[in-house]
């Protein structure tokens, strides 16, 4: 029995910068290859909004940068 490949991309921050643009490009490329993709980012952030709009399942962790980093480590 084979299982579908799965990958989670975690944002460094909530604002859309170069790394987050690359994260979204990689997420699209992985999905195009048939990989199931999730995106993790800070609550109510630009990266979460963009990933959700693109149809990726998102996990929102922590509203502030500190809370996000702590929640990401726990997750």
C-alpha atoms as a PDB file:
ATOM      1  CA  UNK A   1       0.000   0.000   0.000  1.00  0.00           C
ATOM      2  CA  UNK A   2       1.430   3.364  -0.995  1.00  0.00           C
ATOM      3  CA  UNK A   3       0.740   6.611   0.779  1.00  0.00           C
ATOM      4  CA  UNK A   4       0.611  10.016  -0.823  1.00  0.00           C
ATOM      5  CA  UNK A   5       3.610  12.224  -0.153  1.00  0.00           C
ATOM      6  CA  UNK A   6       2.957  15.020   2.334  1.00  0.00           C
ATOM      7  CA  UNK A   7       4.939  18.180   3.064  1.00  0.00           C
ATOM      8  CA  UNK A   8       4.396  21.140   5.363  1.00  0.00           C
ATOM      9  CA  UNK A   9       5.943  24.518   4.665  1.00  0.00           C
ATOM     10  CA  UNK A  10       6.358  26.770   7.704  1.00  0.00           C
ATOM     11  CA  UNK A  11       6.706  30.517   7.249  1.00  0.00           C
ATOM     12  CA  UNK A  12       9.496  32.410   8.951  1.00  0.00           C
ATOM     13  CA  UNK A  13       7.185  35.376   9.520  1.00  0.00           C
ATOM     14  CA  UNK A  14       3.688  36.535   8.670  1.00  0.00           C
ATOM     15  CA  UNK A  15       4.544  39.343   6.277  1.00  0.00           C
ATOM     16  CA  UNK A  16       5.086  38.487   2.637  1.00  0.00           C
ATOM     17  CA  UNK A  17       8.777  38.895   1.901  1.00  0.00           C
ATOM     18  CA  UNK A  18      11.243  37.024  -0.273  1.00  0.00           C
ATOM     19  CA  UNK A  19      11.222  33.856   1.823  1.00  0.00           C
ATOM     20  CA  UNK A  20       7.450  33.739   1.956  1.00  0.00           C
ATOM     21  CA  UNK A  21       7.182  34.275  -1.806  1.00  0.00           C
ATOM     22  CA  UNK A  22       9.560  31.318  -2.247  1.00  0.00           C
ATOM     23  CA  UNK A  23       7.517  29.259   0.250  1.00  0.00           C
ATOM     24  CA  UNK A  24       4.385  29.841  -1.831  1.00  0.00           C
ATOM     25  CA  UNK A  25       6.221  28.978  -5.083  1.00  0.00           C
ATOM     26  CA  UNK A  26       7.535  25.753  -3.539  1.00  0.00           C
ATOM     27  CA  UNK A  27       4.068  24.899  -2.228  1.00  0.00           C
ATOM     28  CA  UNK A  28       2.594  25.328  -5.722  1.00  0.00           C
ATOM     29  CA  UNK A  29       5.377  23.253  -7.296  1.00  0.00           C
ATOM     30  CA  UNK A  30       4.943  20.450  -4.768  1.00  0.00           C
ATOM     31  CA  UNK A  31       1.182  20.414  -5.285  1.00  0.00           C
ATOM     32  CA  UNK A  32       1.692  20.312  -9.063  1.00  0.00           C
ATOM     33  CA  UNK A  33       3.828  17.189  -8.526  1.00  0.00           C
ATOM     34  CA  UNK A  34       0.989  15.521  -6.615  1.00  0.00           C
ATOM     35  CA  UNK A  35       2.316  16.126  -3.105  1.00  0.00           C
ATOM     36  CA  UNK A  36      -0.194  17.038  -0.397  1.00  0.00           C
ATOM     37  CA  UNK A  37       0.836  20.452   0.963  1.00  0.00           C
ATOM     38  CA  UNK A  38       0.042  22.294   4.207  1.00  0.00           C
ATOM     39  CA  UNK A  39       1.265  25.775   5.130  1.00  0.00           C
ATOM     40  CA  UNK A  40       1.956  26.982   8.675  1.00  0.00           C
ATOM     41  CA  UNK A  41       2.086  30.659   9.566  1.00  0.00           C
ATOM     42  CA  UNK A  42       1.175  33.262  12.162  1.00  0.00           C
ATOM     43  CA  UNK A  43      -2.520  33.865  12.815  1.00  0.00           C
ATOM     44  CA  UNK A  44      -4.231  36.319  10.437  1.00  0.00           C
ATOM     45  CA  UNK A  45      -1.034  36.991   8.490  1.00  0.00           C
ATOM     46  CA  UNK A  46      -0.339  37.763   4.867  1.00  0.00           C
ATOM     47  CA  UNK A  47       1.293  34.410   4.241  1.00  0.00           C
ATOM     48  CA  UNK A  48      -1.665  32.508   5.745  1.00  0.00           C
ATOM     49  CA  UNK A  49      -4.099  34.600   3.717  1.00  0.00           C
ATOM     50  CA  UNK A  50      -2.164  34.023   0.473  1.00  0.00           C
ATOM     51  CA  UNK A  51      -1.814  30.282   1.094  1.00  0.00           C
ATOM     52  CA  UNK A  52      -5.499  29.921   1.953  1.00  0.00           C
ATOM     53  CA  UNK A  53      -6.504  31.910  -1.130  1.00  0.00           C
ATOM     54  CA  UNK A  54      -4.354  29.537  -3.220  1.00  0.00           C
ATOM     55  CA  UNK A  55      -6.290  26.587  -1.784  1.00  0.00           C
ATOM     56  CA  UNK A  56      -3.710  25.197   0.624  1.00  0.00           C
ATOM     57  CA  UNK A  57      -4.749  23.886   4.035  1.00  0.00           C
ATOM     58  CA  UNK A  58      -3.279  26.287   6.591  1.00  0.00           C
ATOM     59  CA  UNK A  59      -2.413  26.039  10.259  1.00  0.00           C
ATOM     60  CA  UNK A  60      -2.438  29.345  12.111  1.00  0.00           C
ATOM     61  CA  UNK A  61      -0.209  29.480  15.180  1.00  0.00           C
ATOM     62  CA  UNK A  62       0.129  32.513  17.450  1.00  0.00           C
ATOM     63  CA  UNK A  63      -0.746  36.110  16.654  1.00  0.00           C
ATOM     64  CA  UNK A  64       2.545  37.762  17.649  1.00  0.00           C
ATOM     65  CA  UNK A  65       6.001  36.845  16.366  1.00  0.00           C
ATOM     66  CA  UNK A  66       7.007  35.490  19.776  1.00  0.00           C
ATOM     67  CA  UNK A  67       3.781  33.509  20.198  1.00  0.00           C
ATOM     68  CA  UNK A  68       4.158  32.138  16.662  1.00  0.00           C
ATOM     69  CA  UNK A  69       7.717  30.948  17.224  1.00  0.00           C
ATOM     70  CA  UNK A  70       6.808  29.292  20.526  1.00  0.00           C
ATOM     71  CA  UNK A  71       3.731  27.629  19.014  1.00  0.00           C
ATOM     72  CA  UNK A  72       5.711  26.537  15.947  1.00  0.00           C
ATOM     73  CA  UNK A  73       8.314  24.851  18.121  1.00  0.00           C
ATOM     74  CA  UNK A  74       5.585  23.023  20.067  1.00  0.00           C
ATOM     75  CA  UNK A  75       3.754  22.046  16.879  1.00  0.00           C
END
